[in-house]
Protein backbone atom coordinates (compact mmCIF):
# COMPACT_ATOMS: atom_id res chain seq x y z
CA UNK A 1 272.53 101.00 154.38
CA UNK A 2 270.17 103.68 155.73
CA UNK A 3 270.40 105.20 159.19
CA UNK A 4 267.10 103.56 160.10
CA UNK A 5 268.41 100.13 159.16
CA UNK A 6 271.72 100.64 160.97
CA UNK A 7 270.13 101.93 164.17
CA UNK A 8 267.51 99.19 163.93
CA UNK A 9 270.26 96.57 163.96
CA UNK A 10 272.00 98.27 166.88
CA UNK A 11 268.77 98.54 168.90
CA UNK A 12 267.97 94.84 168.33
CA UNK A 13 271.45 93.91 169.52
CA UNK A 14 271.06 96.15 172.57
CA UNK A 15 267.69 94.55 173.41
CA UNK A 16 269.26 91.09 173.31
CA UNK A 17 271.88 91.98 175.95
CA UNK A 18 269.54 92.25 179.00
CA UNK A 19 267.75 89.06 177.88
CA UNK A 20 271.07 87.20 177.76
CA UNK A 21 272.13 88.58 181.17
CA UNK A 22 268.83 87.63 182.82
CA UNK A 23 269.13 84.06 181.54
CA UNK A 24 272.89 83.74 182.14
CA UNK A 25 272.73 84.99 185.73
CA UNK A 26 269.50 83.05 186.46
CA UNK A 27 267.65 86.23 187.33
CA UNK A 28 264.99 85.21 184.83
CA UNK A 29 263.40 83.11 187.60
CA UNK A 30 264.04 85.54 190.47
CA UNK A 31 261.04 87.32 191.98
CA UNK A 32 259.54 89.75 189.40
CA UNK A 33 262.41 89.49 186.90
CA UNK A 34 260.48 86.99 184.71
CA UNK A 35 258.20 89.92 183.81
CA UNK A 36 261.23 91.92 182.71
CA UNK A 37 262.36 88.99 180.56
CA UNK A 38 258.94 88.81 178.88
CA UNK A 39 258.98 92.57 178.29
CA UNK A 40 262.38 92.57 176.59
CA UNK A 41 261.60 89.40 174.63
CA UNK A 42 258.44 90.94 173.18
CA UNK A 43 260.28 94.17 172.41
CA UNK A 44 263.07 92.28 170.65
CA UNK A 45 260.70 90.24 168.46
CA UNK A 46 258.74 93.41 167.69
CA UNK A 47 261.91 95.20 166.62
CA UNK A 48 263.15 92.26 164.57
CA UNK A 49 259.90 92.06 162.62
CA UNK A 50 259.66 95.85 162.25
CA UNK A 51 263.14 95.90 160.71
CA UNK A 52 262.42 92.95 158.44
CA UNK A 53 264.85 90.56 160.12
CA UNK A 54 261.91 88.28 160.90
CA UNK A 55 259.12 87.90 158.39
CA UNK A 56 256.39 85.48 159.56
CA UNK A 57 254.06 86.99 156.99
CA UNK A 58 250.44 88.01 157.21
CA UNK A 59 249.41 90.41 159.97
CA UNK A 60 251.82 88.97 162.55
CA UNK A 61 253.82 92.15 163.12
CA UNK A 62 250.73 94.35 163.12
CA UNK A 63 249.05 92.45 165.95
CA UNK A 64 252.33 91.83 167.76
CA UNK A 65 252.97 95.57 167.86
CA UNK A 66 249.47 96.24 169.20
CA UNK A 67 249.82 93.50 171.82
CA UNK A 68 253.29 94.65 172.85
CA UNK A 69 252.03 98.19 173.50
CA UNK A 70 249.01 96.91 175.46
CA UNK A 71 251.00 94.69 177.85
CA UNK A 72 253.94 97.06 178.35
CA UNK A 73 252.46 98.98 181.29
CA UNK A 74 251.21 95.92 183.26
CA UNK A 75 254.54 94.10 182.78
CA UNK A 76 256.67 97.06 183.85
CA UNK A 77 254.55 98.19 186.80
CA UNK A 78 254.34 94.65 188.20
CA UNK A 79 258.10 94.32 187.74
CA UNK A 80 258.58 97.59 189.64
CA UNK A 81 257.02 96.00 192.74
CA UNK A 82 260.48 94.47 193.19
CA UNK A 83 261.80 97.85 194.30
CA UNK A 84 259.58 98.45 197.32
CA UNK A 85 258.14 96.79 200.39
CA UNK A 86 255.78 99.63 201.21
CA UNK A 87 252.37 97.95 201.57
CA UNK A 88 250.39 101.02 200.50
CA UNK A 89 252.53 101.60 197.43
CA UNK A 90 252.38 97.91 196.47
CA UNK A 91 248.60 97.98 196.77
CA UNK A 92 248.40 101.13 194.65
CA UNK A 93 250.63 99.60 191.97
CA UNK A 94 248.54 96.41 191.75
CA UNK A 95 245.27 98.36 191.68
CA UNK A 96 246.72 100.61 188.95
CA UNK A 97 247.48 97.56 186.81
CA UNK A 98 243.97 96.16 187.37
CA UNK A 99 242.29 99.47 186.51
CA UNK A 100 244.49 99.94 183.45
CA UNK A 101 243.70 96.44 182.12
CA UNK A 102 239.99 97.07 182.67
CA UNK A 103 240.33 100.39 180.81
CA UNK A 104 242.05 98.58 177.92
CA UNK A 105 239.27 96.00 177.77
CA UNK A 106 236.65 98.77 177.54
CA UNK A 107 238.58 100.58 174.79
CA UNK A 108 239.02 97.32 172.84
CA UNK A 109 235.29 96.56 173.22
CA UNK A 110 234.44 99.97 171.75
CA UNK A 111 237.07 100.32 169.00
CA UNK A 112 238.09 96.74 168.33
CA UNK A 113 241.52 95.13 168.48
CA UNK A 114 243.49 97.40 166.16
CA UNK A 115 246.17 100.08 166.21
CA UNK A 116 243.53 102.78 166.72
CA UNK A 117 243.22 101.86 170.41
CA UNK A 118 246.88 102.71 171.04
CA UNK A 119 246.11 106.43 170.87
CA UNK A 120 244.03 106.02 174.03
CA UNK A 121 246.07 103.39 175.90
CA UNK A 122 249.77 104.17 175.46
CA UNK A 123 249.68 107.66 176.99
CA UNK A 124 248.10 106.78 180.37
CA UNK A 125 250.34 103.73 180.67
CA UNK A 126 253.49 105.78 180.11
CA UNK A 127 252.39 108.43 182.63
CA UNK A 128 251.77 105.85 185.38
CA UNK A 129 255.01 103.98 184.64
CA UNK A 130 257.05 107.19 184.63
CA UNK A 131 255.53 108.46 187.90
CA UNK A 132 256.16 105.17 189.73
CA UNK A 133 259.68 104.91 188.31
CA UNK A 134 260.42 108.44 189.50
CA UNK A 135 259.19 107.77 193.05
CA UNK A 136 261.14 104.53 193.32
CA UNK A 137 264.25 106.01 191.69
CA UNK A 138 264.42 108.85 194.20
CA UNK A 139 264.28 106.33 197.06
CA UNK A 140 266.93 104.02 195.60
CA UNK A 141 269.18 106.90 194.53
CA UNK A 142 269.21 108.23 198.13
CA UNK A 143 270.24 104.80 199.42
CA UNK A 144 272.89 104.45 196.70
CA UNK A 145 274.38 107.85 197.51
CA UNK A 146 274.32 107.61 201.32
CA UNK A 147 275.23 103.93 201.74
CA UNK A 148 276.90 103.16 198.40
CA UNK A 149 274.40 100.33 197.94
CA UNK A 150 271.52 99.52 195.54
CA UNK A 151 273.37 101.16 192.66
CA UNK A 152 272.03 98.45 190.37
CA UNK A 153 268.45 99.20 191.34
CA UNK A 154 268.98 102.92 190.80
CA UNK A 155 270.38 102.31 187.30
CA UNK A 156 267.50 100.00 186.35
CA UNK A 157 265.00 102.62 187.47
CA UNK A 158 266.96 105.36 185.71
CA UNK A 159 266.66 103.32 182.52
CA UNK A 160 262.87 103.19 182.89
CA UNK A 161 262.73 106.92 183.65
CA UNK A 162 264.68 107.72 180.50
CA UNK A 163 262.83 105.33 178.21
CA UNK A 164 259.30 106.17 179.40
CA UNK A 165 260.00 109.91 179.32
CA UNK A 166 261.37 109.77 175.78
CA UNK A 167 258.67 107.36 174.62
CA UNK A 168 256.01 109.76 175.90
CA UNK A 169 257.51 112.46 173.66
CA UNK A 170 257.46 110.03 170.73
CA UNK A 171 253.85 109.16 171.61
CA UNK A 172 252.88 112.85 171.46
CA UNK A 173 254.63 113.27 168.12
CA UNK A 174 253.29 110.09 166.52
CA UNK A 175 249.77 109.67 167.95
CA UNK A 176 248.69 113.16 169.04
CA UNK A 177 250.44 115.62 166.73
CA UNK A 178 250.63 112.94 164.01
CA UNK A 179 253.91 114.25 162.63
CA UNK A 180 254.79 113.62 159.02
CA UNK A 181 258.40 112.90 160.01
CA UNK A 182 257.77 109.21 160.68
CA UNK A 183 261.33 108.12 159.90
CA UNK A 184 262.70 110.63 162.43
CA UNK A 185 260.37 109.22 165.09
CA UNK A 186 261.77 105.75 164.43
CA UNK A 187 265.33 107.06 164.63
CA UNK A 188 264.62 108.56 168.05
CA UNK A 189 262.91 105.35 169.16
CA UNK A 190 265.91 103.22 168.13
CA UNK A 191 268.32 105.55 169.93
CA UNK A 192 266.19 105.56 173.10
CA UNK A 193 265.85 101.76 172.99
CA UNK A 194 269.59 101.29 172.55
CA UNK A 195 270.62 103.60 175.38
CA UNK A 196 268.00 102.38 177.86
CA UNK A 197 268.81 98.72 177.10
CA UNK A 198 272.52 99.29 177.71
CA UNK A 199 271.82 101.23 180.91
CA UNK A 200 269.54 98.53 182.30
CA UNK A 201 272.12 95.89 181.36
CA UNK A 202 274.68 97.63 183.57
CA UNK A 203 272.08 97.78 186.34
CA UNK A 204 271.39 94.05 185.99
CA UNK A 205 275.11 93.27 186.22
CA UNK A 206 275.42 95.23 189.47
CA UNK A 207 272.13 93.97 190.93
CA UNK A 208 273.15 90.37 190.25
CA UNK A 209 276.10 90.76 192.63
CA UNK A 210 273.83 92.15 195.35
CA UNK A 211 271.32 89.32 194.91
CA UNK A 212 274.14 86.78 195.04
CA UNK A 213 275.41 88.28 198.28
CA UNK A 214 271.95 88.26 199.88
CA UNK A 215 271.47 84.62 198.86
CA UNK A 216 274.79 83.70 200.44
CA UNK A 217 273.72 85.35 203.70
CA UNK A 218 270.40 83.48 203.69
CA UNK A 219 272.14 80.16 203.01
CA UNK A 220 274.57 80.82 205.87
CA UNK A 221 271.67 81.56 208.22
CA UNK A 222 269.92 78.32 207.25
CA UNK A 223 273.12 76.32 207.77
CA UNK A 224 273.67 77.85 211.22
CA UNK A 225 270.03 77.20 212.12
CA UNK A 226 270.32 73.54 211.09
CA UNK A 227 273.49 73.13 213.16
CA UNK A 228 272.41 74.90 216.33
CA UNK A 229 268.64 74.40 216.15
CA UNK A 230 265.96 76.94 217.05
CA UNK A 231 266.50 76.57 220.81
CA UNK A 232 270.27 76.90 220.78
CA UNK A 233 272.29 80.07 220.61
CA UNK A 234 273.15 81.07 217.10
CA UNK A 235 276.28 82.93 216.13
CA UNK A 236 275.17 86.38 215.13
CA UNK A 237 276.16 87.80 211.77
CA UNK A 238 275.60 91.39 212.83
CA UNK A 239 278.97 92.80 211.68
CA UNK A 240 278.40 91.39 208.19
CA UNK A 241 274.66 91.80 207.75
CA UNK A 242 274.57 95.29 209.20
CA UNK A 243 276.45 96.52 206.16
CA UNK A 244 273.25 96.07 204.18
CA UNK A 245 270.46 98.55 205.03
CA UNK A 246 267.03 97.10 205.68
CA UNK A 247 265.64 98.95 202.68
CA UNK A 248 267.65 96.69 200.36
CA UNK A 249 265.96 93.48 201.50
CA UNK A 250 263.28 93.63 198.85
């Protein structure tokens, strides 16, 4: 068995883990997490067909790979809106997705729907995703360090920082420099995919506990409101709720 085949198997297994966690912990239907599920599902099918574990025949893998690269940026950036409540930043992120999709449509109209368009679309998408991940990571890392909270969010964002940064290097090697060491590029890609998938899986595990705790607080508030009514005094949960900084309610 070659190194490419072995690492391909490992990367496919690693990609399956966050998918399983999202479904198992019911995060697949929580806020923007469905977008993350779609992203990992497409990546897993792409990897399975690239490694020959799935063989639908025809041009299935060719067009799947093109489609996967085209939708990666919109899926990830829209998912990243989960990490902020800043109105200006949210607006910028949504506008960025709209502009990027329009740019892709123009490129497709000029060059057609083929792998040649990826040279012009992947790079800008990776730059925007990396920049937004960096800004959001710095914010969440500060909260995690000072308040020992949002560690899950920080790990998820760290995963995106690592994967987009490394994938940009692979993009330069493969599409710009057009290196002849194609197999080495795939080896790096499989390693990056494996590590980032495992890192984000840890982040999902930690974030699930935080989401569960927030849901319990909201349920308790609703129960108290139904018992006391809007015009009656409600027992305050300040000692418990105050442990969670306002920044985490997003």
